[in-house]
Amino acid sequence: MTFNHELVTRYLKLVNDNNPIHNHIVPGQLIVEKAFLICKVKWKSYSIKYRKATIINENVRFDKELENKITVKNDRNEIKIVITKKV
């Protein structure tokens, strides 16, 4: 999946985020929300580890590992975000 500039801009307006870093970097929470949608999870409690920034138009995938972990990786297999369900 790719987060293009239009999608990021719409999200930023929705959440009223004016941080200029998001002109180049995808907001982490947008990625997490998309990961939950694609992996079809509705965790009420979870932790997020942001490992590397995701650049706008960078392709990423969501790997659901076990029932309590989602790893976001790019095409070079670099880990971007790790989301873990809290028990």
Protein backbone atom coordinates (compact mmCIF):
# COMPACT_ATOMS: atom_id res chain seq x y z
CA MET A 1 0.00 0.00 0.00
CA THR A 2 1.16 3.50 -0.76
CA PHE A 3 0.19 6.61 1.19
CA ASN A 4 0.11 9.36 -1.42
CA HIS A 5 0.17 13.10 -0.77
CA GLU A 6 -3.59 13.49 -1.34
CA LEU A 7 -4.48 10.84 1.25
CA VAL A 8 -2.06 12.29 3.80
CA THR A 9 -3.40 15.82 3.22
CA ARG A 10 -7.01 14.68 3.74
CA TYR A 11 -6.03 12.88 6.95
CA LEU A 12 -4.12 15.89 8.27
CA LYS A 13 -7.14 18.14 7.69
CA LEU A 14 -9.42 15.63 9.40
CA VAL A 15 -7.27 15.46 12.54
CA ASN A 16 -6.23 19.13 12.39
CA ASP A 17 -2.50 18.31 12.23
CA ASN A 18 -0.36 21.20 10.98
CA ASN A 19 3.05 19.65 11.65
CA PRO A 20 5.26 20.54 8.64
CA ILE A 21 7.15 17.24 8.91
CA HIS A 22 4.07 15.60 7.40
CA ASN A 23 4.82 17.29 4.07
CA HIS A 24 7.24 14.38 3.52
CA ILE A 25 6.49 11.79 6.21
CA VAL A 26 3.26 9.82 6.64
CA PRO A 27 1.69 10.29 10.10
CA GLY A 28 2.27 7.15 12.12
CA GLN A 29 -1.28 7.00 13.45
CA LEU A 30 -2.64 7.02 9.88
CA ILE A 31 -0.51 3.96 9.15
CA VAL A 32 -1.69 2.23 12.33
CA GLU A 33 -5.35 2.90 11.51
CA LYS A 34 -4.87 1.52 7.98
CA ALA A 35 -3.06 -1.54 9.39
CA PHE A 36 -6.02 -2.28 11.66
CA LEU A 37 -8.44 -1.90 8.76
CA ILE A 38 -6.49 -4.12 6.37
CA CYS A 39 -5.66 -6.77 9.00
CA LYS A 40 -9.26 -6.66 10.29
CA VAL A 41 -8.41 -6.16 13.95
CA LYS A 42 -10.17 -4.08 16.60
CA TRP A 43 -7.72 -4.09 19.45
CA LYS A 44 -8.75 -1.90 22.37
CA SER A 45 -5.30 -1.78 23.92
CA TYR A 46 -2.03 -1.92 22.01
CA SER A 47 1.50 -0.56 21.93
CA ILE A 48 3.23 1.02 18.97
CA LYS A 49 6.96 1.07 18.26
CA TYR A 50 7.92 3.50 15.53
CA ARG A 51 11.18 2.22 14.06
CA LYS A 52 11.63 4.25 10.85
CA ALA A 53 9.67 7.02 9.19
CA THR A 54 7.49 6.18 6.20
CA ILE A 55 7.97 8.63 3.35
CA ILE A 56 4.97 9.76 1.30
CA ASN A 57 4.59 7.45 -1.76
CA GLU A 58 6.76 4.74 -0.17
CA ASN A 59 5.19 1.31 -0.55
CA VAL A 60 4.53 -0.62 2.67
CA ARG A 61 2.84 -3.87 3.60
CA PHE A 62 1.16 -5.06 6.77
CA ASP A 63 2.29 -8.45 8.08
CA LYS A 64 0.00 -9.90 10.74
CA GLU A 65 2.21 -12.13 12.83
CA LEU A 66 0.34 -14.38 15.21
CA GLU A 67 -2.85 -12.91 16.62
CA ASN A 68 -1.20 -10.12 18.59
CA LYS A 69 1.34 -8.43 16.33
CA ILE A 70 1.34 -6.42 13.11
CA THR A 71 4.60 -5.40 11.47
CA VAL A 72 4.70 -2.67 8.85
CA LYS A 73 7.54 -3.12 6.34
CA ASN A 74 8.62 -1.44 3.13
CA ASP A 75 9.71 -3.10 -0.12
CA ARG A 76 13.28 -3.42 1.21
CA ASN A 77 11.89 -5.39 4.16
CA GLU A 78 12.81 -2.59 6.57
CA ILE A 79 10.59 -2.55 9.63
CA LYS A 80 8.75 0.75 9.92
CA ILE A 81 6.27 0.14 12.73
CA VAL A 82 5.50 -2.73 15.11
CA ILE A 83 2.02 -2.84 16.67
CA THR A 84 1.47 -5.28 19.52
CA LYS A 85 -1.83 -6.09 21.19
CA LYS A 86 -1.78 -5.69 24.96
CA VAL A 87 -3.35 -8.52 26.90
